Amino acid sequence: MNSQLVFIDSDAFIGLIKEDDAHYSQTQRSFSRLYKEKYEYITSNYVFSEVITVLSLRVGREGAIKFIDTIKTPLSEYRVVWINEEIEEKAIEIYKKQTSKNVSFVDCTNMALMELHNIPLIFSFDRIYRKNGYKMTK
């Protein structure tokens, strides 16, 4: 595929689905732009798990199941990369370098995956990525 890669973080998925989310309108616009610019969407199994949990709590079980079905269909636009031992070890290195207590280990696995898979862009509203030198969508 000759498209550009973008990593999709949990808050972008939540903002896309949860209509009363603070980022809902921005997320709709950003996904529309990314789609037009032919980006390939990458996420991780950790993000997938996190989104299911949040949707179940904030939207309801049906919303979580709809998300599962959207991601797991063979026609899904989202590629889920599994966090393996190499990514986890890199994530541990990244985690140990963080100075804020607000950086989650999932955030660190996202950064490690992006680095090891040469993914230049992340769609997230979490500023920790920019602070760590990652380019974020607008």
Protein backbone atom coordinates (compact mmCIF):
# COMPACT_ATOMS: atom_id res chain seq x y z
CA MET A 1 0.00 0.00 0.00
CA ASN A 2 1.37 3.42 -0.94
CA SER A 3 -0.39 5.32 1.79
CA GLN A 4 1.04 7.12 4.77
CA LEU A 5 0.84 5.48 8.19
CA VAL A 6 -0.92 6.98 11.19
CA PHE A 7 -1.24 5.40 14.62
CA ILE A 8 -4.72 5.73 16.15
CA ASP A 9 -4.76 6.14 19.93
CA SER A 10 -7.62 5.31 22.28
CA ASP A 11 -8.88 8.86 22.69
CA ALA A 12 -9.26 9.25 18.92
CA PHE A 13 -11.41 6.12 18.73
CA ILE A 14 -13.49 7.29 21.71
CA GLY A 15 -13.88 10.74 20.13
CA LEU A 16 -15.03 9.14 16.89
CA ILE A 17 -17.69 7.01 18.55
CA LYS A 18 -18.93 8.83 21.68
CA GLU A 19 -21.09 11.70 20.43
CA ASP A 20 -20.90 13.67 23.68
CA ASP A 21 -17.11 13.36 23.88
CA ALA A 22 -15.27 16.69 24.13
CA HIS A 23 -13.28 15.80 20.99
CA TYR A 24 -16.15 14.43 18.90
CA SER A 25 -16.34 17.25 16.29
CA GLN A 26 -12.57 17.55 15.95
CA THR A 27 -12.26 13.78 15.60
CA GLN A 28 -14.86 13.69 12.83
CA ARG A 29 -13.00 16.42 10.90
CA SER A 30 -9.59 14.82 11.43
CA PHE A 31 -10.70 11.34 10.34
CA SER A 32 -12.36 12.86 7.27
CA ARG A 33 -9.10 14.58 6.33
CA LEU A 34 -6.99 11.48 6.98
CA TYR A 35 -9.36 9.40 4.89
CA LYS A 36 -9.13 11.84 1.96
CA GLU A 37 -5.33 11.87 2.23
CA LYS A 38 -5.28 8.06 2.06
CA TYR A 39 -3.69 7.24 5.39
CA GLU A 40 -3.34 3.67 6.58
CA TYR A 41 -4.66 3.34 10.12
CA ILE A 42 -2.58 1.37 12.62
CA THR A 43 -3.42 0.65 16.24
CA SER A 44 -2.39 -1.92 18.83
CA ASN A 45 -4.08 -4.71 20.71
CA TYR A 46 -3.49 -2.68 23.91
CA VAL A 47 -5.38 0.30 22.44
CA PHE A 48 -8.10 -2.07 21.20
CA SER A 49 -8.52 -3.42 24.74
CA GLU A 50 -8.51 0.04 26.30
CA VAL A 51 -11.17 1.34 23.90
CA ILE A 52 -13.47 -1.62 24.53
CA THR A 53 -13.27 -1.01 28.29
CA VAL A 54 -13.90 2.74 28.02
CA LEU A 55 -16.78 2.32 25.56
CA SER A 56 -18.39 -0.33 27.72
CA LEU A 57 -18.28 2.02 30.72
CA ARG A 58 -19.19 5.28 28.96
CA VAL A 59 -21.33 4.26 25.99
CA GLY A 60 -22.56 0.81 26.91
CA ARG A 61 -21.84 -2.78 26.10
CA GLU A 62 -23.54 -2.52 22.70
CA GLY A 63 -21.21 0.32 21.68
CA ALA A 64 -18.20 -1.73 22.74
CA ILE A 65 -19.40 -4.73 20.73
CA LYS A 66 -19.99 -2.54 17.67
CA PHE A 67 -16.40 -1.28 17.98
CA ILE A 68 -15.11 -4.87 18.24
CA ASP A 69 -17.05 -5.85 15.13
CA THR A 70 -15.77 -2.80 13.22
CA ILE A 71 -12.13 -3.49 14.04
CA LYS A 72 -12.30 -7.28 13.66
CA THR A 73 -14.10 -7.46 10.32
CA PRO A 74 -11.87 -8.65 7.45
CA LEU A 75 -12.78 -5.40 5.65
CA SER A 76 -11.62 -3.18 8.53
CA GLU A 77 -9.64 -0.08 7.66
CA TYR A 78 -7.66 -0.54 10.88
CA ARG A 79 -4.65 -2.81 11.23
CA VAL A 80 -4.06 -4.03 14.77
CA VAL A 81 -0.41 -4.68 15.62
CA TRP A 82 0.17 -6.91 18.62
CA ILE A 83 2.50 -5.75 21.35
CA ASN A 84 5.29 -8.32 21.37
CA GLU A 85 8.33 -8.69 23.60
CA GLU A 86 10.48 -6.33 21.50
CA ILE A 87 7.87 -3.56 21.64
CA GLU A 88 7.31 -4.14 25.35
CA GLU A 89 11.04 -3.88 26.13
CA LYS A 90 11.24 -0.60 24.16
CA ALA A 91 8.12 0.63 25.98
CA ILE A 92 9.77 -0.10 29.33
CA GLU A 93 12.79 2.01 28.27
CA ILE A 94 10.47 4.85 27.24
CA TYR A 95 8.42 4.55 30.45
CA LYS A 96 11.52 4.78 32.65
CA LYS A 97 12.53 8.05 30.94
CA GLN A 98 9.19 9.77 31.59
CA THR A 99 9.04 12.43 34.28
CA SER A 100 5.24 12.80 34.46
CA LYS A 101 3.12 10.41 36.49
CA ASN A 102 0.37 10.90 33.88
CA VAL A 103 2.09 8.82 31.20
CA SER A 104 0.49 5.41 30.98
CA PHE A 105 2.31 2.26 30.00
CA VAL A 106 -0.08 1.96 27.05
CA ASP A 107 1.14 5.40 25.90
CA CYS A 108 4.69 4.06 26.05
CA THR A 109 3.79 0.93 24.08
CA ASN A 110 2.25 3.22 21.44
CA MET A 111 5.47 5.24 21.19
CA ALA A 112 7.59 2.08 21.06
CA LEU A 113 5.42 0.56 18.35
CA MET A 114 5.58 3.77 16.32
CA GLU A 115 9.34 3.89 16.61
CA LEU A 116 9.95 0.23 15.78
CA HIS A 117 7.45 0.22 12.87
CA ASN A 118 8.45 3.64 11.48
CA ILE A 119 5.01 5.19 11.95
CA PRO A 120 5.57 8.95 11.65
CA LEU A 121 2.22 10.28 12.89
CA ILE A 122 -0.19 9.68 15.76
CA PHE A 123 -3.85 10.65 16.05
CA SER A 124 -4.31 11.44 19.72
CA PHE A 125 -5.29 14.35 21.92
CA ASP A 126 -2.72 13.38 24.56
CA ARG A 127 0.07 15.97 24.52
CA ILE A 128 2.56 13.50 25.96
CA TYR A 129 3.30 12.35 22.41
CA ARG A 130 4.33 15.81 21.26
CA LYS A 131 6.46 16.22 24.41
CA ASN A 132 8.25 13.01 23.40
CA GLY A 133 8.92 14.27 19.88
CA TYR A 134 6.12 12.53 17.97
CA LYS A 135 4.21 14.31 15.22
CA MET A 136 0.47 14.55 15.91
CA THR A 137 -2.45 15.03 13.56
CA LYS A 138 -4.28 18.34 13.57
